[in-house]
Amino acid sequence: MLTTARTRRAYPLYDGLLGERESQAPPVGTTNRVVTEVHYNTCGFAWKSRAVYR
């Protein structure tokens, strides 16, 4: 019997200033994606982040 390993990968998405805007990753036990978001102010500092949502 052959078994295959499934590769799990997270995909970061960046804005124009190369700040990580969003991260998507596959959760354990489902086919959906887990998404987290970060918002930056005009100085480039993170001021708001959203917890994991699907």
PDB file of N, CA and C in Angstrom:
ATOM      1  N   MET A   1       0.840  -1.175   0.000  1.00  0.00           N
ATOM      2  CA  MET A   1       0.000   0.000   0.000  1.00  0.00           C
ATOM      3  C   MET A   1       0.884   1.237   0.000  1.00  0.00           C
ATOM      4  N   LEU A   2       0.620   2.152  -0.918  1.00  0.00           N
ATOM      5  CA  LEU A   2       1.384   3.385  -1.002  1.00  0.00           C
ATOM      6  C   LEU A   2       0.636   4.517  -0.317  1.00  0.00           C
ATOM      7  N   THR A   3       1.367   5.330   0.387  1.00  0.00           N
ATOM      8  CA  THR A   3       0.774   6.516   0.995  1.00  0.00           C
ATOM      9  C   THR A   3       1.439   7.745   0.400  1.00  0.00           C
ATOM     10  N   THR A   4       0.691   8.803   0.276  1.00  0.00           N
ATOM     11  CA  THR A   4       1.243  10.043  -0.259  1.00  0.00           C
ATOM     12  C   THR A   4       1.162  11.117   0.809  1.00  0.00           C
ATOM     13  N   ALA A   5       2.184  11.929   0.859  1.00  0.00           N
ATOM     14  CA  ALA A   5       2.198  13.048   1.804  1.00  0.00           C
ATOM     15  C   ALA A   5       1.654  14.281   1.093  1.00  0.00           C
ATOM     16  N   ARG A   6       0.816  15.011   1.769  1.00  0.00           N
ATOM     17  CA  ARG A   6       0.255  16.236   1.206  1.00  0.00           C
ATOM     18  C   ARG A   6       1.068  17.416   1.715  1.00  0.00           C
ATOM     19  N   THR A   7       1.521  18.226   0.801  1.00  0.00           N
ATOM     20  CA  THR A   7       2.327  19.387   1.168  1.00  0.00           C
ATOM     21  C   THR A   7       1.415  20.532   1.574  1.00  0.00           C
ATOM     22  N   ARG A   8       1.685  21.099   2.710  1.00  0.00           N
ATOM     23  CA  ARG A   8       0.925  22.263   3.178  1.00  0.00           C
ATOM     24  C   ARG A   8       1.771  23.501   2.953  1.00  0.00           C
ATOM     25  N   ARG A   9       1.177  24.509   2.344  1.00  0.00           N
ATOM     26  CA  ARG A   9       1.903  25.732   2.060  1.00  0.00           C
ATOM     27  C   ARG A   9       1.085  26.939   2.465  1.00  0.00           C
ATOM     28  N   ALA A  10       1.784  27.939   2.958  1.00  0.00           N
ATOM     29  CA  ALA A  10       1.174  29.229   3.247  1.00  0.00           C
ATOM     30  C   ALA A  10       1.593  30.192   2.137  1.00  0.00           C
ATOM     31  N   TYR A  11       0.671  31.030   1.718  1.00  0.00           N
ATOM     32  CA  TYR A  11       0.943  31.979   0.656  1.00  0.00           C
ATOM     33  C   TYR A  11       0.792  33.397   1.189  1.00  0.00           C
ATOM     34  N   PRO A  12       1.900  34.120   1.346  1.00  0.00           N
ATOM     35  CA  PRO A  12       1.793  35.522   1.768  1.00  0.00           C
ATOM     36  C   PRO A  12       1.522  36.416   0.557  1.00  0.00           C
ATOM     37  N   LEU A  13       0.691  37.429   0.743  1.00  0.00           N
ATOM     38  CA  LEU A  13       0.414  38.416  -0.296  1.00  0.00           C
ATOM     39  C   LEU A  13       0.931  39.758   0.205  1.00  0.00           C
ATOM     40  N   TYR A  14       1.671  40.475  -0.638  1.00  0.00           N
ATOM     41  CA  TYR A  14       2.329  41.709  -0.226  1.00  0.00           C
ATOM     42  C   TYR A  14       1.705  42.916  -0.912  1.00  0.00           C
ATOM     43  N   ASP A  15       1.820  44.083  -0.251  1.00  0.00           N
ATOM     44  CA  ASP A  15       1.365  45.326  -0.861  1.00  0.00           C
ATOM     45  C   ASP A  15       2.511  45.965  -1.643  1.00  0.00           C
ATOM     46  N   GLY A  16       2.334  47.180  -2.130  1.00  0.00           N
ATOM     47  CA  GLY A  16       3.334  47.851  -2.949  1.00  0.00           C
ATOM     48  C   GLY A  16       4.617  48.187  -2.216  1.00  0.00           C
ATOM     49  N   LEU A  17       4.585  48.277  -0.891  1.00  0.00           N
ATOM     50  CA  LEU A  17       5.778  48.568  -0.097  1.00  0.00           C
ATOM     51  C   LEU A  17       6.381  47.312   0.508  1.00  0.00           C
ATOM     52  N   LEU A  18       5.976  46.165  -0.005  1.00  0.00           N
ATOM     53  CA  LEU A  18       6.442  44.845   0.432  1.00  0.00           C
ATOM     54  C   LEU A  18       6.130  44.535   1.891  1.00  0.00           C
ATOM     55  N   GLY A  19       5.039  45.104   2.377  1.00  0.00           N
ATOM     56  CA  GLY A  19       4.523  44.720   3.687  1.00  0.00           C
ATOM     57  C   GLY A  19       3.549  43.572   3.486  1.00  0.00           C
ATOM     58  N   GLU A  20       3.600  42.590   4.344  1.00  0.00           N
ATOM     59  CA  GLU A  20       2.687  41.451   4.180  1.00  0.00           C
ATOM     60  C   GLU A  20       1.269  41.902   4.467  1.00  0.00           C
ATOM     61  N   ARG A  21       0.433  41.865   3.460  1.00  0.00           N
ATOM     62  CA  ARG A  21      -0.945  42.329   3.555  1.00  0.00           C
ATOM     63  C   ARG A  21      -1.872  41.211   4.023  1.00  0.00           C
ATOM     64  N   GLU A  22      -1.627  40.000   3.530  1.00  0.00           N
ATOM     65  CA  GLU A  22      -2.516  38.888   3.812  1.00  0.00           C
ATOM     66  C   GLU A  22      -1.723  37.590   3.743  1.00  0.00           C
ATOM     67  N   SER A  23      -2.150  36.620   4.528  1.00  0.00           N
ATOM     68  CA  SER A  23      -1.531  35.301   4.495  1.00  0.00           C
ATOM     69  C   SER A  23      -2.630  34.261   4.369  1.00  0.00           C
ATOM     70  N   GLN A  24      -2.452  33.324   3.453  1.00  0.00           N
ATOM     71  CA  GLN A  24      -3.430  32.258   3.254  1.00  0.00           C
ATOM     72  C   GLN A  24      -2.738  30.919   3.460  1.00  0.00           C
ATOM     73  N   ALA A  25      -3.392  30.056   4.214  1.00  0.00           N
ATOM     74  CA  ALA A  25      -2.829  28.731   4.475  1.00  0.00           C
ATOM     75  C   ALA A  25      -3.959  27.720   4.589  1.00  0.00           C
ATOM     76  N   PRO A  26      -3.713  26.490   4.182  1.00  0.00           N
ATOM     77  CA  PRO A  26      -4.740  25.453   4.332  1.00  0.00           C
ATOM     78  C   PRO A  26      -4.794  24.955   5.770  1.00  0.00           C
ATOM     79  N   PRO A  27      -5.970  24.914   6.399  1.00  0.00           N
ATOM     80  CA  PRO A  27      -6.080  24.413   7.757  1.00  0.00           C
ATOM     81  C   PRO A  27      -6.078  22.891   7.794  1.00  0.00           C
ATOM     82  N   VAL A  28      -5.972  22.369   8.950  1.00  0.00           N
ATOM     83  CA  VAL A  28      -5.981  20.918   9.137  1.00  0.00           C
ATOM     84  C   VAL A  28      -7.423  20.423   9.113  1.00  0.00           C
ATOM     85  N   GLY A  29      -7.687  19.407   8.329  1.00  0.00           N
ATOM     86  CA  GLY A  29      -8.983  18.744   8.357  1.00  0.00           C
ATOM     87  C   GLY A  29     -10.060  19.315   7.461  1.00  0.00           C
ATOM     88  N   THR A  30      -9.746  20.247   6.581  1.00  0.00           N
ATOM     89  CA  THR A  30     -10.746  20.790   5.670  1.00  0.00           C
ATOM     90  C   THR A  30     -10.065  21.233   4.383  1.00  0.00           C
ATOM     91  N   THR A  31     -10.858  21.517   3.355  1.00  0.00           N
ATOM     92  CA  THR A  31     -10.284  21.942   2.079  1.00  0.00           C
ATOM     93  C   THR A  31     -10.310  23.453   1.911  1.00  0.00           C
ATOM     94  N   ASN A  32     -10.843  24.181   2.872  1.00  0.00           N
ATOM     95  CA  ASN A  32     -10.899  25.641   2.809  1.00  0.00           C
ATOM     96  C   ASN A  32      -9.533  26.246   3.069  1.00  0.00           C
ATOM     97  N   ARG A  33      -9.446  27.553   3.075  1.00  0.00           N
ATOM     98  CA  ARG A  33      -8.215  28.269   3.405  1.00  0.00           C
ATOM     99  C   ARG A  33      -8.439  29.120   4.641  1.00  0.00           C
ATOM    100  N   VAL A  34      -7.378  29.294   5.413  1.00  0.00           N
ATOM    101  CA  VAL A  34      -7.393  30.196   6.564  1.00  0.00           C
ATOM    102  C   VAL A  34      -6.697  31.478   6.129  1.00  0.00           C
ATOM    103  N   VAL A  35      -7.365  32.621   6.345  1.00  0.00           N
ATOM    104  CA  VAL A  35      -6.835  33.906   5.888  1.00  0.00           C
ATOM    105  C   VAL A  35      -6.639  34.826   7.081  1.00  0.00           C
ATOM    106  N   THR A  36      -5.488  35.490   7.143  1.00  0.00           N
ATOM    107  CA  THR A  36      -5.241  36.551   8.127  1.00  0.00           C
ATOM    108  C   THR A  36      -4.880  37.815   7.360  1.00  0.00           C
ATOM    109  N   GLU A  37      -5.253  38.985   7.901  1.00  0.00           N
ATOM    110  CA  GLU A  37      -5.012  40.256   7.227  1.00  0.00           C
ATOM    111  C   GLU A  37      -4.304  41.228   8.148  1.00  0.00           C
ATOM    112  N   VAL A  38      -3.488  42.098   7.565  1.00  0.00           N
ATOM    113  CA  VAL A  38      -2.824  43.168   8.316  1.00  0.00           C
ATOM    114  C   VAL A  38      -3.018  44.457   7.524  1.00  0.00           C
ATOM    115  N   HIS A  39      -3.430  45.523   8.212  1.00  0.00           N
ATOM    116  CA  HIS A  39      -3.571  46.847   7.598  1.00  0.00           C
ATOM    117  C   HIS A  39      -2.478  47.742   8.153  1.00  0.00           C
ATOM    118  N   TYR A  40      -1.917  48.589   7.284  1.00  0.00           N
ATOM    119  CA  TYR A  40      -0.826  49.477   7.664  1.00  0.00           C
ATOM    120  C   TYR A  40      -1.266  50.927   7.581  1.00  0.00           C
ATOM    121  N   ASN A  41      -0.662  51.786   8.433  1.00  0.00           N
ATOM    122  CA  ASN A  41      -0.946  53.211   8.348  1.00  0.00           C
ATOM    123  C   ASN A  41      -0.038  53.852   7.299  1.00  0.00           C
ATOM    124  N   THR A  42      -0.108  55.171   7.144  1.00  0.00           N
ATOM    125  CA  THR A  42       0.668  55.844   6.109  1.00  0.00           C
ATOM    126  C   THR A  42       2.164  55.830   6.382  1.00  0.00           C
ATOM    127  N   CYS A  43       2.575  55.565   7.607  1.00  0.00           N
ATOM    128  CA  CYS A  43       4.007  55.471   7.938  1.00  0.00           C
ATOM    129  C   CYS A  43       4.551  54.061   7.714  1.00  0.00           C
ATOM    130  N   GLY A  44       3.699  53.116   7.400  1.00  0.00           N
ATOM    131  CA  GLY A  44       4.135  51.753   7.136  1.00  0.00           C
ATOM    132  C   GLY A  44       4.091  50.832   8.340  1.00  0.00           C
ATOM    133  N   PHE A  45       3.515  51.298   9.441  1.00  0.00           N
ATOM    134  CA  PHE A  45       3.410  50.469  10.642  1.00  0.00           C
ATOM    135  C   PHE A  45       2.072  49.742  10.656  1.00  0.00           C
ATOM    136  N   ALA A  46       2.084  48.522  11.132  1.00  0.00           N
ATOM    137  CA  ALA A  46       0.838  47.758  11.242  1.00  0.00           C
ATOM    138  C   ALA A  46      -0.046  48.400  12.304  1.00  0.00           C
ATOM    139  N   TRP A  47      -1.278  48.719  11.964  1.00  0.00           N
ATOM    140  CA  TRP A  47      -2.178  49.345  12.933  1.00  0.00           C
ATOM    141  C   TRP A  47      -3.426  48.516  13.182  1.00  0.00           C
ATOM    142  N   LYS A  48      -3.705  47.568  12.316  1.00  0.00           N
ATOM    143  CA  LYS A  48      -4.887  46.738  12.492  1.00  0.00           C
ATOM    144  C   LYS A  48      -4.620  45.370  11.882  1.00  0.00           C
ATOM    145  N   SER A  49      -4.966  44.340  12.602  1.00  0.00           N
ATOM    146  CA  SER A  49      -4.838  42.997  12.042  1.00  0.00           C
ATOM    147  C   SER A  49      -6.108  42.218  12.349  1.00  0.00           C
ATOM    148  N   ARG A  50      -6.491  41.393  11.437  1.00  0.00           N
ATOM    149  CA  ARG A  50      -7.671  40.567  11.610  1.00  0.00           C
ATOM    150  C   ARG A  50      -7.239  39.157  11.922  1.00  0.00           C
ATOM    151  N   ALA A  51      -7.935  38.573  12.839  1.00  0.00           N
ATOM    152  CA  ALA A  51      -7.659  37.200  13.222  1.00  0.00           C
ATOM    153  C   ALA A  51      -8.033  36.269  12.065  1.00  0.00           C
ATOM    154  N   VAL A  52      -7.810  35.034  12.262  1.00  0.00           N
ATOM    155  CA  VAL A  52      -8.066  34.025  11.246  1.00  0.00           C
ATOM    156  C   VAL A  52      -9.555  34.003  10.894  1.00  0.00           C
ATOM    157  N   TYR A  53      -9.847  34.006   9.604  1.00  0.00           N
ATOM    158  CA  TYR A  53     -11.210  33.771   9.145  1.00  0.00           C
ATOM    159  C   TYR A  53     -11.155  32.910   7.901  1.00  0.00           C
ATOM    160  N   ARG A  54     -12.267  32.306   7.577  1.00  0.00           N
ATOM    161  CA  ARG A  54     -12.323  31.362   6.450  1.00  0.00           C
ATOM    162  C   ARG A  54     -13.186  31.895   5.355  1.00  0.00           C
TER     163      ARG A  54
END
